[in-house]
N, C-alpha and C. Protein backbone atom coordinates (compact mmCIF):
# COMPACT_ATOMS: atom_id res chain seq x y z
N MET A 1 9.97 9.26 2.70
CA MET A 1 9.24 8.23 1.78
C MET A 1 8.35 7.70 2.56
N ILE A 2 8.46 7.59 3.71
CA ILE A 2 7.05 6.76 4.27
C ILE A 2 5.97 8.12 4.50
N ASP A 3 4.85 7.78 4.33
CA ASP A 3 4.12 8.90 4.09
C ASP A 3 2.67 8.72 3.24
N ARG A 4 1.80 9.43 2.93
CA ARG A 4 0.55 9.29 2.12
C ARG A 4 0.77 10.37 0.88
N TRP A 5 0.81 9.89 -0.25
CA TRP A 5 1.22 10.79 -1.39
C TRP A 5 0.15 10.67 -2.33
N GLU A 6 -0.09 11.99 -3.36
CA GLU A 6 -1.35 11.99 -4.11
C GLU A 6 -0.34 11.86 -5.49
N LEU A 7 -0.82 11.09 -6.57
CA LEU A 7 0.10 11.45 -7.90
C LEU A 7 -1.02 12.72 -8.18
N ILE A 8 0.18 13.80 -8.82
CA ILE A 8 -0.56 15.10 -9.45
C ILE A 8 -0.03 14.90 -11.04
N ARG A 9 1.00 14.30 -11.72
CA ARG A 9 1.28 14.47 -13.21
C ARG A 9 2.13 13.11 -13.14
N PHE A 10 2.27 13.29 -14.75
CA PHE A 10 3.30 12.14 -15.37
C PHE A 10 4.07 13.50 -16.42
N GLN A 11 5.37 12.96 -16.25
CA GLN A 11 6.11 13.88 -17.31
C GLN A 11 7.38 13.11 -17.70
N ASN A 12 8.04 13.49 -18.46
CA ASN A 12 9.35 13.28 -19.10
C ASN A 12 10.37 13.68 -18.01
N SER A 13 11.51 13.05 -17.56
CA SER A 13 12.19 13.42 -16.69
C SER A 13 13.00 14.61 -16.93
N ASP A 14 12.81 15.14 -17.91
CA ASP A 14 13.46 16.79 -18.36
C ASP A 14 12.17 17.82 -17.90
N GLY A 15 11.17 17.32 -17.63
CA GLY A 15 9.86 17.90 -17.35
C GLY A 15 9.05 18.42 -18.28
N THR A 16 9.53 17.66 -19.32
CA THR A 16 8.48 18.21 -20.81
C THR A 16 7.31 16.91 -21.00
N ASN A 17 6.39 17.03 -21.41
CA ASN A 17 5.23 16.36 -22.03
C ASN A 17 4.49 15.91 -20.38
N ILE A 18 3.96 16.85 -20.16
CA ILE A 18 3.42 17.04 -18.70
C ILE A 18 1.97 16.39 -19.10
N VAL A 19 1.49 15.45 -18.49
CA VAL A 19 0.16 15.00 -18.24
C VAL A 19 -0.49 15.10 -16.92
N GLU A 20 -1.70 15.93 -16.72
CA GLU A 20 -1.98 15.95 -15.43
C GLU A 20 -3.83 15.18 -15.48
N PRO A 21 -4.32 14.88 -14.40
CA PRO A 21 -5.64 14.26 -14.26
C PRO A 21 -6.54 15.25 -14.65
N GLN A 22 -7.44 15.07 -15.38
CA GLN A 22 -8.53 15.83 -15.64
C GLN A 22 -9.63 16.15 -14.41
N THR A 23 -9.86 17.36 -14.75
CA THR A 23 -10.84 18.05 -13.26
C THR A 23 -11.66 16.99 -13.31
N GLY A 24 -11.59 16.85 -11.69
CA GLY A 24 -12.67 16.09 -10.99
C GLY A 24 -12.65 14.59 -10.98
N GLU A 25 -11.24 14.29 -11.43
CA GLU A 25 -10.42 13.13 -11.34
C GLU A 25 -10.35 12.58 -9.74
N THR A 26 -10.88 11.23 -9.78
CA THR A 26 -10.77 11.16 -8.17
C THR A 26 -9.10 10.63 -8.19
N PRO A 27 -8.48 11.27 -7.15
CA PRO A 27 -6.90 11.25 -6.97
C PRO A 27 -6.48 9.92 -6.71
N ILE A 28 -5.38 9.76 -7.40
CA ILE A 28 -4.50 8.33 -7.14
C ILE A 28 -3.77 8.57 -5.97
N ILE A 29 -3.72 7.74 -4.75
CA ILE A 29 -3.44 7.86 -3.44
C ILE A 29 -2.10 6.51 -3.26
N LEU A 30 -0.96 6.80 -2.84
CA LEU A 30 -0.28 5.90 -2.55
C LEU A 30 0.31 6.29 -0.98
N ASN A 31 0.14 4.99 -0.37
CA ASN A 31 0.71 5.07 1.21
C ASN A 31 2.01 4.27 1.25
N PHE A 32 2.85 4.79 2.10
CA PHE A 32 4.03 3.68 2.14
C PHE A 32 3.90 3.95 3.81
N LEU A 33 4.11 2.87 4.28
CA LEU A 33 3.66 2.98 5.72
C LEU A 33 4.88 2.41 6.58
N GLU A 34 5.05 2.72 7.59
CA GLU A 34 6.37 2.18 8.36
C GLU A 34 6.90 0.74 8.56
N ASN A 35 5.98 -0.02 8.52
CA ASN A 35 5.92 -1.43 8.42
C ASN A 35 6.24 -1.86 7.10
N LEU A 36 6.53 -1.08 6.03
CA LEU A 36 7.08 -1.36 4.82
C LEU A 36 6.22 -1.90 4.06
N ASP A 37 4.56 -2.07 4.73
CA ASP A 37 3.61 -2.31 3.69
C ASP A 37 3.29 -1.13 2.84
N PHE A 38 2.58 -1.26 1.45
CA PHE A 38 2.41 -0.44 0.57
C PHE A 38 0.92 -0.57 0.20
N HIS A 39 0.33 0.36 0.09
CA HIS A 39 -1.02 0.69 -0.32
C HIS A 39 -1.40 1.90 -1.34
N ALA A 40 -2.01 1.25 -2.27
CA ALA A 40 -2.40 2.54 -3.32
C ALA A 40 -4.13 2.43 -3.75
N THR A 41 -4.54 3.54 -3.75
CA THR A 41 -6.07 3.49 -4.55
C THR A 41 -6.16 4.48 -6.06
N THR A 42 -7.11 4.21 -6.59
CA THR A 42 -7.23 4.43 -7.93
C THR A 42 -8.60 4.56 -7.84
N THR A 43 -9.39 5.49 -8.82
CA THR A 43 -10.71 5.60 -8.83
C THR A 43 -11.57 4.30 -8.74
N SER A 44 -11.15 2.99 -9.27
CA SER A 44 -11.86 1.83 -9.15
C SER A 44 -11.06 0.78 -8.39
N ASN A 45 -9.88 0.84 -8.36
CA ASN A 45 -9.11 -0.24 -7.85
C ASN A 45 -8.00 0.06 -6.64
N GLU A 46 -7.67 -1.28 -5.93
CA GLU A 46 -6.82 -1.04 -4.83
C GLU A 46 -5.71 -1.82 -5.22
N ILE A 47 -4.32 -1.27 -4.49
CA ILE A 47 -3.42 -2.22 -4.76
C ILE A 47 -2.65 -2.06 -3.34
N ASN A 48 -2.27 -3.62 -3.07
CA ASN A 48 -1.75 -3.82 -1.98
C ASN A 48 -0.30 -4.47 -2.45
N GLY A 49 0.78 -4.54 -1.50
CA GLY A 49 1.90 -4.90 -1.36
C GLY A 49 3.16 -4.62 -0.55
N ASN A 50 4.36 -4.78 -0.73
CA ASN A 50 5.17 -4.62 0.40
C ASN A 50 6.21 -3.67 -0.43
N PHE A 51 7.08 -2.83 0.46
CA PHE A 51 8.17 -2.29 -0.45
C PHE A 51 9.47 -2.51 0.43
N THR A 52 10.48 -2.13 -0.35
CA THR A 52 11.95 -1.79 0.36
C THR A 52 12.50 -0.69 -0.23
N THR A 53 13.83 -0.03 0.53
CA THR A 53 14.56 0.83 -0.51
C THR A 53 15.92 0.29 -0.58
N GLU A 54 16.45 0.60 -1.48
CA GLU A 54 17.98 0.27 -1.43
C GLU A 54 18.69 1.53 -2.00
N GLN A 55 19.07 2.46 -1.37
CA GLN A 55 19.94 3.57 -2.06
C GLN A 55 18.80 4.32 -2.63
N GLU A 56 18.53 4.65 -3.52
CA GLU A 56 17.89 5.49 -4.24
C GLU A 56 16.49 4.72 -5.16
N LYS A 57 16.50 3.63 -4.64
CA LYS A 57 15.45 2.57 -5.39
C LYS A 57 14.32 2.13 -4.64
N LEU A 58 13.23 2.28 -5.11
CA LEU A 58 11.91 1.67 -4.62
C LEU A 58 11.83 0.63 -4.90
N ILE A 59 11.28 -0.50 -4.43
CA ILE A 59 11.17 -2.08 -4.83
C ILE A 59 9.94 -2.34 -4.32
N ILE A 60 8.81 -2.43 -5.00
CA ILE A 60 7.76 -3.16 -4.60
C ILE A 60 7.41 -4.55 -4.77
N THR A 61 7.08 -5.50 -3.71
CA THR A 61 7.12 -7.07 -3.98
C THR A 61 5.64 -7.30 -3.58
N ASN A 62 5.46 -8.27 -3.83
CA ASN A 62 4.23 -9.19 -3.21
C ASN A 62 2.81 -8.30 -3.59
N PHE A 63 3.07 -7.75 -4.92
CA PHE A 63 2.13 -6.71 -5.95
C PHE A 63 0.74 -7.41 -6.02
N ALA A 64 -0.48 -6.74 -5.46
CA ALA A 64 -1.67 -7.70 -5.86
C ALA A 64 -2.75 -6.30 -6.11
N THR A 65 -3.66 -6.44 -6.88
CA THR A 65 -4.67 -5.50 -7.08
C THR A 65 -5.99 -6.04 -7.63
N THR A 66 -6.86 -5.49 -7.56
CA THR A 66 -8.08 -5.61 -8.27
C THR A 66 -8.20 -5.42 -9.47
N LEU A 67 -8.97 -5.78 -10.05
CA LEU A 67 -9.05 -5.58 -11.69
C LEU A 67 -10.43 -5.06 -12.15
N VAL A 68 -11.15 -3.52 -11.61
CA VAL A 68 -12.08 -3.56 -12.30
C VAL A 68 -11.84 -2.41 -13.39
N SER A 69 -12.51 -2.22 -14.08
CA SER A 69 -12.39 -1.27 -15.08
C SER A 69 -12.13 0.10 -14.55
N GLU A 70 -11.18 1.21 -15.60
CA GLU A 70 -10.20 1.94 -14.77
C GLU A 70 -10.26 3.19 -15.87
N THR A 71 -10.24 4.48 -14.96
CA THR A 71 -10.17 5.71 -15.85
C THR A 71 -8.77 5.54 -16.89
N ASP A 72 -8.78 6.50 -17.63
CA ASP A 72 -7.57 6.82 -18.28
C ASP A 72 -6.48 7.27 -17.36
N TRP A 73 -6.88 7.94 -16.40
CA TRP A 73 -5.84 8.31 -15.56
C TRP A 73 -5.33 6.93 -14.72
N GLY A 74 -6.21 6.26 -14.01
CA GLY A 74 -5.81 4.90 -13.73
C GLY A 74 -5.15 4.20 -14.36
N ILE A 75 -5.23 4.22 -15.78
CA ILE A 75 -4.67 3.34 -16.71
C ILE A 75 -3.04 3.65 -16.84
N MET A 76 -2.92 5.03 -17.04
CA MET A 76 -1.47 5.63 -17.16
C MET A 76 -0.76 5.29 -15.98
N PHE A 77 -1.36 5.13 -14.81
CA PHE A 77 -0.80 4.47 -13.37
C PHE A 77 -0.31 3.29 -13.59
N TYR A 78 -1.18 2.60 -14.01
CA TYR A 78 -0.88 0.83 -14.13
C TYR A 78 -0.02 0.75 -15.29
N GLU A 79 0.02 1.32 -15.92
CA GLU A 79 0.98 1.22 -17.37
C GLU A 79 2.59 1.60 -16.61
N ALA A 80 2.53 2.49 -15.82
CA ALA A 80 4.01 3.18 -15.63
C ALA A 80 4.55 2.15 -14.59
N LEU A 81 3.62 1.37 -13.54
CA LEU A 81 3.89 0.38 -13.07
C LEU A 81 4.45 -0.70 -13.88
N GLU A 82 3.63 -1.50 -14.57
CA GLU A 82 4.08 -2.10 -15.60
C GLU A 82 5.55 -2.20 -16.29
N ALA A 83 5.67 -0.86 -16.37
CA ALA A 83 6.92 -0.38 -17.21
C ALA A 83 8.03 -0.55 -16.12
N ALA A 84 8.15 -0.44 -14.82
CA ALA A 84 8.87 -0.41 -14.11
C ALA A 84 9.09 -2.04 -13.54
N ARG A 85 8.59 -2.76 -14.05
CA ARG A 85 8.54 -4.46 -13.13
C ARG A 85 9.54 -4.89 -14.13
N ASP A 86 10.74 -5.35 -13.13
CA ASP A 86 11.60 -6.39 -13.45
C ASP A 86 11.28 -7.51 -13.80
N PRO A 87 11.37 -8.14 -15.28
CA PRO A 87 10.79 -9.39 -16.04
C PRO A 87 11.57 -10.33 -15.23
N ASN A 88 12.76 -10.33 -14.51
CA ASN A 88 12.90 -11.69 -13.76
C ASN A 88 12.59 -11.85 -12.79
N SER A 89 12.53 -10.65 -11.64
CA SER A 89 11.97 -10.84 -10.15
C SER A 89 10.38 -10.73 -10.13
N LEU A 90 9.86 -9.94 -11.36
CA LEU A 90 8.66 -9.30 -11.15
C LEU A 90 8.31 -8.45 -10.18
N GLU A 91 9.46 -7.68 -9.67
CA GLU A 91 9.38 -6.62 -8.54
C GLU A 91 9.06 -5.27 -9.19
N ILE A 92 8.52 -4.25 -8.95
CA ILE A 92 8.48 -3.10 -9.52
C ILE A 92 9.47 -2.27 -8.93
N ILE A 93 10.31 -1.79 -9.48
CA ILE A 93 11.61 -1.20 -9.05
C ILE A 93 11.69 0.16 -9.81
N MET A 94 11.61 1.51 -8.85
CA MET A 94 11.72 2.59 -9.51
C MET A 94 12.73 3.27 -8.53
N GLU A 95 13.83 4.31 -9.63
CA GLU A 95 14.13 5.44 -9.05
C GLU A 95 13.69 6.38 -8.01
N PHE A 96 13.59 6.62 -7.03
CA PHE A 96 12.83 7.89 -6.09
C PHE A 96 13.59 9.05 -5.68
N SER A 97 13.29 10.00 -5.83
CA SER A 97 13.83 11.58 -5.02
C SER A 97 12.49 11.79 -4.05
N VAL A 98 13.00 12.64 -2.89
CA VAL A 98 12.24 13.20 -2.51
C VAL A 98 12.88 14.64 -2.19
N SER A 99 11.92 15.54 -2.29
CA SER A 99 12.42 16.97 -1.81
C SER A 99 11.30 17.73 -1.25
N SER A 100 11.63 18.18 -0.18
CA SER A 100 10.26 18.90 0.52
C SER A 100 8.95 18.13 0.54
N GLU A 101 8.12 18.57 -0.05
CA GLU A 101 6.61 17.96 -0.04
C GLU A 101 6.65 17.24 -1.37
N THR A 102 7.57 16.88 -2.20
CA THR A 102 7.42 16.28 -3.42
C THR A 102 8.17 14.85 -3.68
N LEU A 103 7.43 13.74 -3.96
CA LEU A 103 7.99 12.61 -4.50
C LEU A 103 8.15 12.28 -5.78
N ARG A 104 9.23 11.90 -6.44
CA ARG A 104 9.53 11.60 -7.81
C ARG A 104 9.75 10.41 -7.83
N LEU A 105 9.12 9.53 -8.69
CA LEU A 105 9.27 8.18 -8.92
C LEU A 105 9.42 7.93 -10.53
N SER A 106 10.73 7.43 -10.75
CA SER A 106 11.39 7.39 -12.34
C SER A 106 11.22 6.00 -12.46
N TYR A 107 10.57 5.75 -13.70
CA TYR A 107 10.39 4.51 -14.28
C TYR A 107 10.59 4.49 -16.05
N ASN A 108 11.09 3.76 -16.50
CA ASN A 108 11.18 3.54 -18.11
C ASN A 108 12.12 4.50 -18.66
N GLU A 109 13.28 4.66 -17.73
CA GLU A 109 14.33 5.62 -18.21
C GLU A 109 14.23 6.86 -17.99
N ASN A 110 13.12 7.52 -18.88
CA ASN A 110 13.21 8.88 -18.67
C ASN A 110 11.62 9.50 -18.50
N LYS A 111 11.19 8.80 -17.82
CA LYS A 111 9.52 8.97 -17.33
C LYS A 111 9.18 9.10 -15.89
N ASP A 112 8.71 10.07 -15.35
CA ASP A 112 8.55 10.09 -13.87
C ASP A 112 6.79 10.24 -13.49
N MET A 113 6.91 9.95 -12.35
CA MET A 113 5.80 10.29 -11.53
C MET A 113 5.64 10.80 -10.65
N VAL A 114 4.94 12.09 -10.71
CA VAL A 114 5.25 12.99 -9.42
C VAL A 114 4.07 13.10 -8.28
N LEU A 115 4.31 12.92 -7.40
CA LEU A 115 3.38 12.98 -6.02
C LEU A 115 3.70 13.95 -5.18
N ILE A 116 2.54 14.44 -4.52
CA ILE A 116 2.81 15.58 -3.41
C ILE A 116 2.05 14.54 -1.97
N ARG A 117 3.10 15.53 -1.14
CA ARG A 117 2.22 14.78 0.50
C ARG A 117 0.93 15.03 0.45
N ARG A 118 0.49 14.33 1.01
CA ARG A 118 -1.15 14.19 1.58
C ARG A 118 -0.99 14.18 2.98
């Protein structure tokens, strides 16, 4: 989990309904650092926070972002984070799995973000 990851697609958990970035789209990069800091960049914005993991759950806390207009790809990313937000704690909670060079973040019961190690 600790590493630099690039978002390559959204999909249903069963592998259907795949959405990939348009050609030439600026990559969305997520960095999970050893000190448990979280940093992400989209075309227009930066996101910072902290994270923990419990069993196979990723919990992003102290989430802060800039709010400049965003591409459709970036909007999908923000919508996925919002769908994973716990209404009580306001933490972003997603199930995760890592296999080889791929990180899968699950949100909204049947949706996944798929990332590759960069």
